[in-house]
Amino acid sequence: MKAYPTDVALSELDADLVAVGLFEDEALGEPLGSVPGAGDASGEFKSRVTVYPGKPERVAIIGLGDRAEFTAERARVAGAVSQAALKAVKGEALAWLLPEVDDPGVIAAALIEGATFASFDFDRFRTGSDGAAAPPELKSIEVSSPADIAEAVTVGEAVGNAGNRARYLQSLPANVATPAFLAERAEEIAADHDAVTAEVLDRDGIIAAGMGGLEAVARGGEDVEPRLITLRYRGGGSGGTLGLVGKSVTFDTGGISIKPSAGMHEMKMDMSGGAAVLEAVAAIAELGLGIELIAVLPATENMPSGTALKPGDIITQLNGKTVEVTNTDAEGRLILADALVHCAREGADRMVDLATLTGAVVIGLGSTYAALISNDDDLADELTAAGESSGELVWRLPLHDEYKQLTKGSITDLVNASAERKAGTIYAGSFLEEFTEGKPWAHVDIAGTAWDTGREYWGKGPTGFGVHLLVALARRLNQ
């Protein structure tokens, strides 16, 4: 999808559908006010009426709700409504006449993001999906405003496309999206951007490096090789190097501590953190942000087999700490631990990890907020602000020394899962803090937000949650 700014009048917008917003208790201006059918339009939030003024051919009048309550998040929803109207007329080109608002750039970007996200349709495995019978798809969005919105339009395009690329990766089955497949995607990103480089370790390299957590989890998948993927983006800037780590378990059976069969097919999405990190790096490079960045993806399957990691096994992580594995379905923290140490030692000054880590976070926060756990107030504040601007909200949970007692081992330094059923999301984050090498760090648990959130612009299935959050964070650090 391509997005463009313009300043032409409504009658000059050339698109399959032009969207015009209407606030509650405000009248529809001319020339639309006198078009047949326009009287049915309402400012009620999410309402839509399509009229045919002749020039342009079709206009969707979309309710924006109370002007005082209109935010970027509501604009994303309005963008999704406009995409639904475009789809109804089998169109490919959408235009928006930007309403008069205080932050035209912010709203323009949000409209683009919402429409682009709403256009996502994973049809790779449908018969005839690449043939003449394939339905039209969103190809362009034009936003008309007298304000200078060019930079914002570029950001909206980059975020929308990157989010949908992450959702595509999430949707792929595990027999396609293997660790090697993710490594190939990382190498594609590096090939597309001169400022990005990629390094990939295979199983032998992971073992030689001393990454005992990643090596142990990968033992169960004899035929599917793990990968340790490292991307570097050199955009300049003087704010130090930001490290991003994304959990990339391409299929999670739970290992020997096997999960129930119901819903296990969704465990192909246990690489959602890695998908978000990959495509956020691509968007950051596309935008040319002035920031230094290192991204690390520990990629593996978690499978039961004769060679698989067993409950009671003891492993040594990259930083030398020993862990007794009490539950092989708490594998994400084992691979993230090695990745965090690696990221810090490769030069990250502060780190953020994204992971579908705990089912407990769904109970605690549902699908509205991701959990945020951090050892640094400044970094936590930056992520919270990035969440508010991107709509990918985070809610900070506490760290306390008492939580660390839940992961203290009796015969090892740590255990990977506590025997006590309390503070599951927090103690998992507390476990990860042991591997931050003393760096400012934040953990974002996206298990409740990575798919099926119910938001209009994401619909059912994968959300790409984390892409927009990380791009927003990078933009804040770039300022």
Protein backbone atom coordinates (compact mmCIF):
# COMPACT_ATOMS: atom_id res chain seq x y z
CA MET A 1 0.00 0.00 0.00
CA LYS A 2 1.20 3.51 -0.89
CA ALA A 3 0.03 6.66 0.85
CA TYR A 4 0.15 10.21 -0.47
CA PRO A 5 -0.54 13.68 0.90
CA THR A 6 -2.38 16.24 -1.21
CA ASP A 7 -4.17 19.56 -0.78
CA VAL A 8 -6.75 19.30 -3.55
CA ALA A 9 -10.45 19.96 -3.02
CA LEU A 10 -13.02 17.22 -2.52
CA SER A 11 -14.24 17.39 -6.12
CA GLU A 12 -10.70 16.82 -7.41
CA LEU A 13 -9.95 13.70 -5.41
CA ASP A 14 -9.67 10.78 -7.80
CA ALA A 15 -10.22 7.52 -5.93
CA ASP A 16 -12.58 4.57 -5.92
CA LEU A 17 -13.97 5.96 -2.68
CA VAL A 18 -13.49 9.27 -0.87
CA ALA A 19 -14.08 9.29 2.90
CA VAL A 20 -15.37 12.39 4.68
CA GLY A 21 -15.70 12.57 8.44
CA LEU A 22 -18.68 14.02 10.28
CA PHE A 23 -18.66 14.94 13.98
CA GLU A 24 -21.74 14.67 16.16
CA ASP A 25 -23.94 17.77 16.31
CA GLU A 26 -22.17 19.27 13.29
CA ALA A 27 -23.75 19.81 9.89
CA LEU A 28 -22.48 18.33 6.68
CA GLY A 29 -21.23 21.15 4.50
CA GLU A 30 -21.79 21.76 0.82
CA PRO A 31 -21.61 20.38 -1.75
CA LEU A 32 -22.22 17.08 0.04
CA GLY A 33 -25.09 18.36 2.18
CA SER A 34 -27.44 18.53 -0.79
CA VAL A 35 -26.47 15.21 -2.39
CA PRO A 36 -29.34 12.67 -2.35
CA GLY A 37 -28.94 10.34 0.61
CA ALA A 38 -26.64 12.65 2.55
CA GLY A 39 -29.45 13.37 4.99
CA ASP A 40 -29.11 9.81 6.24
CA ALA A 41 -25.56 10.49 7.42
CA SER A 42 -24.88 10.72 11.12
CA GLY A 43 -22.00 11.87 13.29
CA GLU A 44 -22.48 8.80 15.48
CA PHE A 45 -19.10 7.14 15.90
CA LYS A 46 -18.44 4.38 13.33
CA SER A 47 -21.59 5.06 11.32
CA ARG A 48 -21.23 5.23 7.53
CA VAL A 49 -23.36 6.25 4.60
CA THR A 50 -22.18 6.13 0.98
CA VAL A 51 -23.49 8.77 -1.43
CA TYR A 52 -22.89 9.45 -5.11
CA PRO A 53 -22.28 13.15 -5.81
CA GLY A 54 -20.90 12.54 -9.32
CA LYS A 55 -17.54 14.16 -8.72
CA PRO A 56 -16.06 12.33 -6.95
CA GLU A 57 -18.10 9.31 -7.91
CA ARG A 58 -18.52 7.87 -4.39
CA VAL A 59 -18.20 9.44 -0.96
CA ALA A 60 -18.47 7.58 2.35
CA ILE A 61 -19.64 9.88 5.14
CA ILE A 62 -18.18 8.41 8.32
CA GLY A 63 -19.29 9.31 11.84
CA LEU A 64 -16.43 10.51 14.04
CA GLY A 65 -18.39 10.90 17.27
CA ASP A 66 -17.93 13.77 19.72
CA ARG A 67 -15.24 16.16 18.51
CA ALA A 68 -13.89 16.53 22.06
CA GLU A 69 -13.40 12.76 22.27
CA PHE A 70 -11.78 12.32 18.85
CA THR A 71 -8.29 10.86 19.27
CA ALA A 72 -5.74 9.09 17.13
CA GLU A 73 -7.17 5.76 18.32
CA ARG A 74 -10.66 6.78 17.20
CA ALA A 75 -9.14 7.88 13.90
CA ARG A 76 -7.69 4.39 13.43
CA VAL A 77 -11.17 2.96 13.93
CA ALA A 78 -12.58 5.49 11.44
CA GLY A 79 -9.87 4.40 9.01
CA ALA A 80 -11.03 0.83 9.41
CA VAL A 81 -14.63 1.87 8.73
CA SER A 82 -13.52 3.61 5.54
CA GLN A 83 -11.71 0.46 4.41
CA ALA A 84 -14.91 -1.53 4.97
CA ALA A 85 -16.76 0.98 2.78
CA LEU A 86 -14.05 0.67 0.10
CA LYS A 87 -14.27 -3.11 0.20
CA ALA A 88 -18.06 -2.93 -0.18
CA VAL A 89 -17.65 -1.16 -3.54
CA LYS A 90 -14.76 -3.46 -4.57
CA GLY A 91 -12.34 -0.54 -4.69
CA GLU A 92 -8.54 -0.37 -4.44
CA ALA A 93 -7.89 3.37 -4.08
CA LEU A 94 -9.06 5.24 -0.99
CA ALA A 95 -8.93 8.98 -0.28
CA TRP A 96 -9.65 10.91 2.90
CA LEU A 97 -10.66 14.53 3.18
CA LEU A 98 -8.97 15.22 6.50
CA PRO A 99 -11.30 16.86 9.03
CA GLU A 100 -10.27 20.09 10.71
CA VAL A 101 -8.43 18.94 13.83
CA ASP A 102 -5.72 20.27 16.13
CA ASP A 103 -3.16 17.59 15.17
CA PRO A 104 -3.67 16.97 11.45
CA GLY A 105 -0.47 14.93 11.05
CA VAL A 106 -1.30 12.60 13.93
CA ILE A 107 -4.84 12.05 12.65
CA ALA A 108 -3.70 11.57 9.05
CA ALA A 109 -1.22 8.87 10.09
CA ALA A 110 -3.84 7.16 12.25
CA LEU A 111 -6.43 7.09 9.44
CA ILE A 112 -3.86 5.47 7.16
CA GLU A 113 -2.86 2.94 9.81
CA GLY A 114 -6.46 1.97 10.56
CA ALA A 115 -7.41 1.51 6.92
CA THR A 116 -4.24 -0.43 6.15
CA PHE A 117 -4.59 -2.74 9.15
CA ALA A 118 -8.24 -3.36 8.27
CA SER A 119 -7.28 -4.36 4.74
CA PHE A 120 -5.20 -7.34 5.92
CA ASP A 121 -6.40 -10.63 4.50
CA PHE A 122 -4.28 -13.75 4.77
CA ASP A 123 -5.20 -15.65 1.63
CA ARG A 124 -1.95 -17.39 0.72
CA PHE A 125 -3.38 -20.88 1.05
CA ARG A 126 -6.79 -20.30 -0.51
CA THR A 127 -7.24 -21.95 -3.87
CA GLY A 128 -7.14 -19.32 -6.63
CA SER A 129 -5.88 -16.58 -4.31
CA ASP A 130 -3.26 -15.49 -6.86
CA GLY A 131 -5.50 -15.77 -9.89
CA ALA A 132 -7.95 -13.53 -11.76
CA ALA A 133 -10.67 -14.26 -9.21
CA ALA A 134 -8.73 -12.66 -6.34
CA PRO A 135 -10.73 -9.80 -4.79
CA PRO A 136 -9.51 -6.20 -5.01
CA GLU A 137 -7.14 -5.09 -2.27
CA LEU A 138 -6.17 -1.70 -0.86
CA LYS A 139 -3.37 -0.27 -2.99
CA SER A 140 -3.33 3.44 -2.22
CA ILE A 141 -4.53 6.03 0.29
CA GLU A 142 -4.55 9.74 -0.44
CA VAL A 143 -5.10 12.24 2.37
CA SER A 144 -6.14 15.79 1.49
CA SER A 145 -5.36 18.62 3.91
CA PRO A 146 -4.06 22.19 3.67
CA ALA A 147 -1.66 21.35 6.52
CA ASP A 148 1.82 19.92 6.00
CA ILE A 149 1.19 16.26 6.68
CA ALA A 150 3.79 14.69 4.36
CA GLU A 151 6.01 13.26 7.13
CA ALA A 152 3.03 11.89 9.03
CA VAL A 153 1.68 10.21 5.90
CA THR A 154 5.05 8.52 5.39
CA VAL A 155 4.98 7.26 8.98
CA GLY A 156 1.42 5.98 8.64
CA GLU A 157 2.33 4.10 5.46
CA ALA A 158 5.44 2.54 7.02
CA VAL A 159 3.67 1.49 10.22
CA GLY A 160 0.60 0.13 8.43
CA ASN A 161 2.62 -1.94 5.98
CA ALA A 162 5.07 -3.19 8.63
CA GLY A 163 2.24 -4.19 10.94
CA ASN A 164 0.61 -6.19 8.19
CA ARG A 165 3.91 -7.87 7.29
CA ALA A 166 4.25 -8.98 10.91
CA ARG A 167 0.67 -10.29 10.82
CA TYR A 168 1.53 -12.25 7.67
CA LEU A 169 4.46 -13.87 9.46
CA GLN A 170 2.23 -14.67 12.44
CA SER A 171 -0.34 -16.29 10.14
CA LEU A 172 2.07 -18.64 8.41
CA PRO A 173 1.99 -22.24 9.57
CA ALA A 174 4.99 -23.63 11.41
CA ASN A 175 5.92 -25.88 8.51
CA VAL A 176 6.56 -22.68 6.51
CA ALA A 177 7.65 -20.10 9.08
CA THR A 178 10.56 -22.06 10.52
CA PRO A 179 13.53 -20.49 12.29
CA ALA A 180 15.39 -20.62 8.96
CA PHE A 181 12.48 -18.80 7.30
CA LEU A 182 12.69 -15.99 9.88
CA ALA A 183 16.43 -15.79 9.28
CA GLU A 184 15.79 -15.42 5.56
CA ARG A 185 13.36 -12.59 6.25
CA ALA A 186 16.02 -10.86 8.37
CA GLU A 187 18.51 -11.19 5.52
CA GLU A 188 15.93 -9.73 3.11
CA ILE A 189 15.54 -6.69 5.37
CA ALA A 190 19.32 -6.27 5.44
CA ALA A 191 19.52 -6.57 1.64
CA ASP A 192 16.82 -3.91 1.23
CA HIS A 193 18.49 -1.32 3.49
CA ASP A 194 22.14 -0.29 3.36
CA ALA A 195 22.05 0.70 7.04
CA VAL A 196 21.01 -2.82 8.15
CA THR A 197 23.19 -5.91 8.53
CA ALA A 198 22.22 -9.43 9.55
CA GLU A 199 24.12 -12.22 11.28
CA VAL A 200 22.72 -15.72 11.80
CA LEU A 201 23.98 -18.54 14.03
CA ASP A 202 22.90 -22.14 13.38
CA ARG A 203 22.70 -24.91 15.98
CA ASP A 204 26.47 -25.47 16.06
CA GLY A 205 27.08 -21.74 16.41
CA ILE A 206 24.53 -21.48 19.22
CA ILE A 207 26.20 -24.33 21.11
CA ALA A 208 29.68 -22.91 20.51
CA ALA A 209 28.54 -19.52 21.82
CA GLY A 210 27.38 -21.08 25.09
CA MET A 211 23.66 -20.31 24.73
CA GLY A 212 22.49 -23.17 26.93
CA GLY A 213 18.87 -22.04 27.07
CA LEU A 214 18.32 -21.79 23.34
CA GLU A 215 20.28 -24.97 22.69
CA ALA A 216 18.25 -26.90 25.27
CA VAL A 217 14.82 -25.81 24.02
CA ALA A 218 15.84 -26.61 20.44
CA ARG A 219 16.85 -30.20 21.29
CA GLY A 220 13.34 -31.52 20.77
CA GLY A 221 13.21 -30.48 17.12
CA GLU A 222 15.86 -32.62 15.49
CA ASP A 223 14.69 -31.85 11.95
CA VAL A 224 14.06 -28.12 12.44
CA GLU A 225 17.25 -26.22 13.13
CA PRO A 226 17.24 -23.26 15.54
CA ARG A 227 18.63 -19.87 14.62
CA LEU A 228 20.00 -16.93 16.59
CA ILE A 229 19.28 -13.90 14.41
CA THR A 230 20.98 -10.56 14.98
CA LEU A 231 20.08 -7.41 13.02
CA ARG A 232 21.94 -4.11 13.33
CA TYR A 233 20.62 -0.78 12.13
CA ARG A 234 23.08 2.09 12.02
CA GLY A 235 21.05 5.27 11.76
CA GLY A 236 23.37 7.51 13.73
CA GLY A 237 22.26 9.59 16.67
CA SER A 238 23.88 10.18 20.01
CA GLY A 239 21.42 8.46 22.34
CA GLY A 240 23.22 5.13 22.59
CA THR A 241 22.17 1.80 21.14
CA LEU A 242 18.66 0.47 21.65
CA GLY A 243 18.40 -3.31 21.91
CA LEU A 244 15.26 -5.18 20.85
CA VAL A 245 14.71 -8.86 21.60
CA GLY A 246 11.78 -10.85 20.21
CA LYS A 247 10.70 -14.30 21.35
CA SER A 248 10.57 -16.48 18.24
CA VAL A 249 9.22 -19.91 19.12
CA THR A 250 7.89 -20.92 15.72
CA PHE A 251 5.76 -23.67 17.25
CA ASP A 252 5.23 -24.36 20.94
CA THR A 253 3.85 -27.73 21.96
CA GLY A 254 5.01 -27.15 25.52
CA GLY A 255 7.65 -29.84 25.03
CA ILE A 256 7.53 -32.76 27.48
CA SER A 257 5.21 -30.59 29.65
CA ILE A 258 2.84 -30.74 26.70
CA LYS A 259 -0.06 -28.36 26.24
CA PRO A 260 -3.70 -29.48 25.85
CA SER A 261 -4.58 -30.22 22.23
CA ALA A 262 -7.45 -27.73 22.10
CA GLY A 263 -6.13 -24.51 20.62
CA MET A 264 -2.62 -25.85 20.10
CA HIS A 265 -2.79 -24.91 16.42
CA GLU A 266 -2.56 -21.28 17.54
CA MET A 267 0.90 -21.94 18.95
CA LYS A 268 2.34 -21.14 15.54
CA MET A 269 1.98 -17.55 16.76
CA ASP A 270 4.44 -17.99 19.62
CA MET A 271 6.91 -16.17 17.40
CA SER A 272 4.80 -12.99 17.48
CA GLY A 273 7.42 -11.04 19.44
CA GLY A 274 10.06 -11.90 16.86
CA ALA A 275 7.75 -10.99 13.97
CA ALA A 276 7.07 -7.59 15.54
CA VAL A 277 10.76 -6.92 16.15
CA LEU A 278 11.71 -7.94 12.60
CA GLU A 279 9.17 -5.70 10.92
CA ALA A 280 9.72 -2.82 13.34
CA VAL A 281 13.39 -2.82 12.33
CA ALA A 282 12.33 -2.78 8.68
CA ALA A 283 10.00 0.20 9.29
CA ILE A 284 12.64 2.08 11.30
CA ALA A 285 15.13 1.59 8.46
CA GLU A 286 12.54 2.64 5.88
CA LEU A 287 11.89 5.84 7.84
CA GLY A 288 15.63 6.47 8.19
CA LEU A 289 15.38 7.25 11.90
CA GLY A 290 18.51 8.60 13.55
CA ILE A 291 19.06 5.83 16.06
CA GLU A 292 21.49 2.98 16.65
CA LEU A 293 19.72 -0.35 16.99
CA ILE A 294 20.49 -4.02 17.59
CA ALA A 295 17.75 -6.63 17.37
CA VAL A 296 18.05 -10.27 18.46
CA LEU A 297 15.64 -13.13 17.70
CA PRO A 298 16.18 -16.53 19.36
CA ALA A 299 14.25 -18.78 16.98
CA THR A 300 13.35 -22.40 17.64
CA GLU A 301 10.53 -24.89 17.94
CA ASN A 302 9.61 -26.40 21.33
CA MET A 303 8.86 -30.05 20.64
CA PRO A 304 8.65 -33.30 22.60
CA SER A 305 10.94 -36.08 21.45
CA GLY A 306 13.52 -38.56 22.69
CA THR A 307 16.11 -35.80 22.67
CA ALA A 308 13.92 -33.06 24.13
CA LEU A 309 14.61 -31.03 27.26
CA LYS A 310 13.10 -32.81 30.29
CA PRO A 311 11.65 -31.50 33.56
CA GLY A 312 14.45 -31.66 36.10
CA ASP A 313 17.22 -31.01 33.58
CA ILE A 314 19.77 -28.39 34.56
CA ILE A 315 21.13 -25.96 31.98
CA THR A 316 23.71 -23.18 32.01
CA GLN A 317 22.69 -19.91 30.36
CA LEU A 318 25.03 -17.64 28.42
CA ASN A 319 25.90 -15.56 31.47
CA GLY A 320 26.86 -18.65 33.49
CA LYS A 321 23.75 -18.85 35.67
CA THR A 322 22.33 -22.32 36.18
CA VAL A 323 18.62 -23.09 35.79
CA GLU A 324 16.67 -26.17 36.81
CA VAL A 325 13.91 -26.69 34.26
CA THR A 326 10.77 -27.44 36.25
CA ASN A 327 8.40 -26.91 33.32
CA THR A 328 9.42 -27.26 29.68
CA ASP A 329 6.43 -25.12 28.67
CA ALA A 330 8.17 -22.15 30.33
CA GLU A 331 10.68 -22.21 27.49
CA GLY A 332 10.36 -18.62 26.31
CA ARG A 333 12.27 -17.22 29.27
CA LEU A 334 15.10 -19.70 28.65
CA ILE A 335 15.71 -18.54 25.09
CA LEU A 336 15.11 -14.87 25.92
CA ALA A 337 17.66 -15.08 28.73
CA ASP A 338 20.43 -15.99 26.30
CA ALA A 339 19.23 -13.43 23.77
CA LEU A 340 19.24 -10.61 26.35
CA VAL A 341 22.78 -11.42 27.45
CA HIS A 342 23.88 -11.57 23.82
CA CYS A 343 22.13 -8.29 23.01
CA ALA A 344 23.77 -6.52 25.96
CA ARG A 345 27.21 -7.88 25.18
CA GLU A 346 26.88 -6.86 21.54
CA GLY A 347 26.52 -3.22 22.58
CA ALA A 348 22.93 -2.45 23.58
CA ASP A 349 22.77 0.36 26.14
CA ARG A 350 19.12 -0.32 26.98
CA MET A 351 16.90 -3.19 25.96
CA VAL A 352 13.25 -4.02 25.31
CA ASP A 353 12.04 -7.58 24.85
CA LEU A 354 8.69 -8.58 23.37
CA ALA A 355 7.25 -11.99 24.08
CA THR A 356 4.07 -14.02 24.18
CA LEU A 357 5.34 -15.20 27.54
CA THR A 358 2.58 -16.02 30.02
CA GLY A 359 -1.05 -17.06 29.98
CA ALA A 360 -1.35 -15.23 33.29
CA VAL A 361 -1.17 -11.86 31.53
CA VAL A 362 -4.42 -12.64 29.69
CA ILE A 363 -6.17 -13.21 33.02
CA GLY A 364 -4.73 -10.01 34.47
CA LEU A 365 -4.98 -7.54 31.59
CA GLY A 366 -7.06 -9.20 28.88
CA SER A 367 -6.41 -8.04 25.34
CA THR A 368 -6.39 -4.28 25.92
CA TYR A 369 -2.99 -3.79 27.55
CA ALA A 370 0.29 -5.63 27.27
CA ALA A 371 2.15 -6.04 30.54
CA LEU A 372 5.24 -3.88 31.05
CA ILE A 373 7.91 -4.84 33.56
CA SER A 374 11.04 -2.72 33.82
CA ASN A 375 14.04 -1.98 36.01
CA ASP A 376 14.27 1.59 34.69
CA ASP A 377 11.67 4.32 35.20
CA ASP A 378 12.82 6.44 32.24
CA LEU A 379 12.59 3.55 29.78
CA ALA A 380 9.24 2.49 31.22
CA ASP A 381 7.93 6.04 30.84
CA GLU A 382 9.10 6.19 27.21
CA LEU A 383 7.36 2.91 26.42
CA THR A 384 4.18 3.99 28.16
CA ALA A 385 4.12 7.22 26.13
CA ALA A 386 4.85 5.26 22.94
CA GLY A 387 1.95 2.96 23.78
CA GLU A 388 -0.44 5.85 24.25
CA SER A 389 0.49 7.43 20.91
CA SER A 390 0.46 4.15 18.96
CA GLY A 391 -2.64 2.63 20.54
CA GLU A 392 -0.54 -0.41 21.54
CA LEU A 393 -1.06 0.16 25.23
CA VAL A 394 1.16 -1.13 28.02
CA TRP A 395 0.45 -1.32 31.76
CA ARG A 396 3.38 -1.39 34.14
CA LEU A 397 3.53 -4.15 36.74
CA PRO A 398 5.85 -3.98 39.75
CA LEU A 399 9.22 -5.58 40.35
CA HIS A 400 10.14 -6.47 43.93
CA ASP A 401 12.83 -8.60 45.54
CA GLU A 402 10.16 -10.87 47.00
CA TYR A 403 9.11 -11.91 43.49
CA LYS A 404 12.66 -13.10 42.87
CA GLN A 405 12.25 -15.67 45.61
CA LEU A 406 9.74 -17.46 43.37
CA THR A 407 12.47 -18.31 40.86
CA LYS A 408 15.32 -19.05 43.26
CA GLY A 409 16.52 -22.64 42.93
CA SER A 410 17.37 -25.06 45.71
CA ILE A 411 20.09 -26.87 43.75
CA THR A 412 20.63 -24.23 41.05
CA ASP A 413 20.71 -20.46 40.81
CA LEU A 414 17.20 -20.36 39.37
CA VAL A 415 14.20 -22.43 38.38
CA ASN A 416 12.30 -21.52 35.24
CA ALA A 417 8.83 -21.95 36.77
CA SER A 418 7.64 -21.49 40.32
CA ALA A 419 5.74 -24.17 42.19
CA GLU A 420 3.48 -21.43 43.59
CA ARG A 421 0.54 -20.23 41.50
CA LYS A 422 0.94 -16.51 41.99
CA ALA A 423 2.33 -13.48 40.14
CA GLY A 424 3.04 -15.59 37.06
CA THR A 425 3.62 -12.68 34.69
CA ILE A 426 5.72 -10.77 37.19
CA TYR A 427 8.02 -13.56 38.27
CA ALA A 428 8.62 -14.47 34.62
CA GLY A 429 9.77 -10.90 34.07
CA SER A 430 11.79 -11.03 37.27
CA PHE A 431 13.53 -14.15 35.92
CA LEU A 432 14.49 -12.23 32.77
CA GLU A 433 15.95 -9.38 34.80
CA GLU A 434 18.68 -11.79 35.92
CA PHE A 435 20.02 -11.69 32.35
CA THR A 436 20.08 -7.96 31.59
CA GLU A 437 23.78 -7.48 32.40
CA GLY A 438 22.90 -4.48 34.53
CA LYS A 439 21.43 -2.55 31.58
CA PRO A 440 18.17 -0.58 31.63
CA TRP A 441 15.58 -3.05 30.41
CA ALA A 442 11.87 -3.45 29.81
CA HIS A 443 9.88 -6.60 29.20
CA VAL A 444 6.58 -6.45 27.28
CA ASP A 445 4.36 -9.51 27.60
CA ILE A 446 2.10 -9.57 24.53
CA ALA A 447 0.41 -12.93 25.11
CA GLY A 448 -2.96 -11.20 25.42
CA THR A 449 -2.54 -8.68 22.63
CA ALA A 450 -0.79 -10.58 19.84
CA TRP A 451 -4.05 -11.88 18.35
CA ASP A 452 -7.84 -11.78 18.68
CA THR A 453 -8.10 -8.46 20.51
CA GLY A 454 -11.45 -7.56 18.96
CA ARG A 455 -10.32 -4.12 17.78
CA GLU A 456 -12.03 -2.93 14.61
CA TYR A 457 -8.89 -2.36 12.62
CA TRP A 458 -7.28 -5.71 13.50
CA GLY A 459 -10.31 -7.94 13.41
CA LYS A 460 -9.83 -11.59 14.33
CA GLY A 461 -6.46 -13.27 14.23
CA PRO A 462 -2.98 -11.73 14.36
CA THR A 463 -2.45 -8.09 15.30
CA GLY A 464 1.26 -7.45 14.76
CA PHE A 465 1.21 -5.88 18.24
CA GLY A 466 4.58 -4.38 19.02
CA VAL A 467 5.47 -3.06 15.58
CA HIS A 468 3.82 0.32 16.10
CA LEU A 469 4.93 0.44 19.75
CA LEU A 470 8.59 -0.06 18.85
CA VAL A 471 8.49 2.37 15.93
CA ALA A 472 6.87 4.96 18.21
CA LEU A 473 9.57 4.32 20.82
CA ALA A 474 12.33 4.70 18.23
CA ARG A 475 10.77 7.94 16.99
CA ARG A 476 10.66 9.29 20.54
CA LEU A 477 14.31 8.37 21.11
CA ASN A 478 15.17 9.93 17.74
CA GLN A 479 13.86 13.34 18.86
